[in-house]
Every structure is written in structure tokens, then in C-alpha cells.
Amino acid sequence: MVVAILGVGLLFVRLASFLMLVFAAVVLAVVFDAIARIIYSSLSIGRAWALALAVFLLLGTFIGAFVLFGAQLTSQFDTIRQSLPEGIEQMQAFLERMGLGNAGNGMLEQGKDSLSGALTKVGTYMLAIGSGLTNLVLVIFAAVFLAADPGVYRRGLLLLVPNRAVKTADDALTDTSRGLNGWMKGQAISSVVVATLTSAGLALLGVPSAGGLGVIAGLLDVIPMIGPVISGVPAVLLAFTQSPETALWVILLFVLIQQLQGNFLQPMIQKQAVDVPPAVLLFTVVAAGTLFGVLGVLLAAPLTITLFVLVKRIYVKTLLGKNVEV
């Protein structure tokens, strides 16, 4: 038994990346299924046609956005790449005037060298992008198969559970599906609002590449706690190419947007999904990034919701017998 348990544990460690791809497919399948249900109830067409329309609608939206705005965003991202070194130099001059040159120059120079070195590794990044696109295609096809007939996979999973635990497992699957569904709806609204406010605010402040920076902020909003901080770094550096005062206004803008996201958008998402304590969410992001890399960070929020619901339903409510609301 000990050898078998260790062997299974080692197998899970070896298949960690694969298991995260499976989880990503499940999350995307929930999205497809939610859209298909809306189309099915609105148009009164067959489920197969509703699912096909949902897939084409979602993928078509992303492809259409890429075609319509790809050239503009590419030029803006190129502006970001060209302007960041100048922004770092402006920040160095500002720190010198504030008497903090010795403390900050070393870190800024190191960051500048790291940026220059990163830009020279385009070939490596292209290989990584190619591998990521291959995994993305795999996830999309798997999600379509899962969403086409989720009942088959649900019944198959329940067949592996002892009879006395089937009711609890079925409730846990239902709770998890509802939590993920609600989180995705709220997160979609949050990302759009953050991207719009960031783009508009940076444009009013005269910061270059406001559109590209807004897209970055919207995409990174998916990463709890850490995403807004990461998205603010290139915006502040670009603002230093205008003036230190502009950089301070940009910092204030990101603080205001983060307060809006934290005090209004995030509670809305939690109300739609599950009320996960912020500290738990933060530590899950760090742990998922350590264990699974970039994919783990991107899936940290839905992974947290899934684990949180399963622990409350299976362990706290069923095994411990405590009266908690899931």
C-alpha cells in the first residue's frame, strides 16, 4: 500500500502539467456550456447547434478582436518595448533628485539589463509561444468534447465513487460548476471594466500606448492580487518618459482602479461564485505558480474556487458533520 501510494503520488507529480491542461479544458468547457445554455433557452434550437454557435461566438470574438486591433496593439506594444529603457533612465534621474539614487540605481540597472537580455531571446520565446498554441488547441478541442455531453463524464466519475458517497460527490460537482460559472461571468465584467478604465485614464494623462497597456491590465486582472501590480509597472515606466509628475498620476490612477476592483468588482465576483478569503487566494496564486508555472498562475482563481468548494462540501460538511453553507 505504501509503495502504491508513493507511486501514485509520483505519477501525479510527473503529470502535473498535463493535469493543469485537463483542468483548463474543464474550465473552458464550463464557459462553453454556460453560453450554450443561454443560446439554447433564447433561440430554442438543439443543444448541438447551441454549443457549436457558442464555440464559434467565443472564438470568433477573440479572433475578430485580434484581426481588428492586432496591428494597432502590435505597434503599441512595440512602442512600449522601445520606450521602457528611456523610462528607466527618467526614473533614475528622478531618484537622483530625490536623494535615492544609490538605493535605486542598482535595481534599475539590473532591470534594464534584464529587459535588454529578454528582448534578445526572441527565438526562445517563439518556441514557447508555439508550444503554448499547441496546448491551447488541445484544450479547446477537449473543452468542446467535454461540453458536448458533460453528463457522460459526470456519470463516469460518479461510477468510481462508493455508493454511500455518490450523493456528496454529485452535490460537490454541482457546487463547483455553479461556482466556476459565476466566477467567469463576474471576471469577464471585471476585466472589461479594468481594461476600459485603464486605457481611458492613461489616454487622458497622455501616456503612450494607452490601448496596449489597458489590454495588459485587463488580461492580468485574471490573476488575483498580483495582476494589477504587474500591469502597473510598464505604465509607470512609460509615464516617466513624459515627466515624473505624470508617473505619480499614473500610480494614483492604478491605485484608484485597484480600489475599485477590490471593493466593488471583486466582491461582485465573490458574490456570484464563492466567498474565498483574500489571504487564501493570494497564497494559492503563489503556490500554483511555484508548482505549475505560468499556467498555474492563470488558473489560480478557478483552482482556488474548486478546492475551496470541495473542501467545504466533502470534508467540513460531510466528514466533519459541521453545519456550513456551501
Foldseek 3Di string as FASTA:
>chain_A
DVVVVVVVVVVCLVCVQVVLLVVLLQLVLLQLLVQLVVCCVPVVDDSVVSSVCSLCVVVVVVVVCCVVCVVVLVVQVVVLLVQLVVLLVLVLVVCVVVVNNVVCVVVSVVVVVVSVVVVVPVVVVVVVVVVVVVSVVVSSVSSSVCNVCVVVVLVVVLVVPPPVCSVLSVVLVVLLSQQSNLLVVLLVVLLVVQLVLQLVQLVVLVQGSSNNLSNQLSLLVLQPPVSLVVSLVSRLSSLSSVPNVSSVVSVVSSVVSVCCCVVPSVVSSCVRHNDDDSVLLVVQLVVLCVSHNPSRRSCSVSVSSSVVSSCCRPPVCPVVVDDDDD
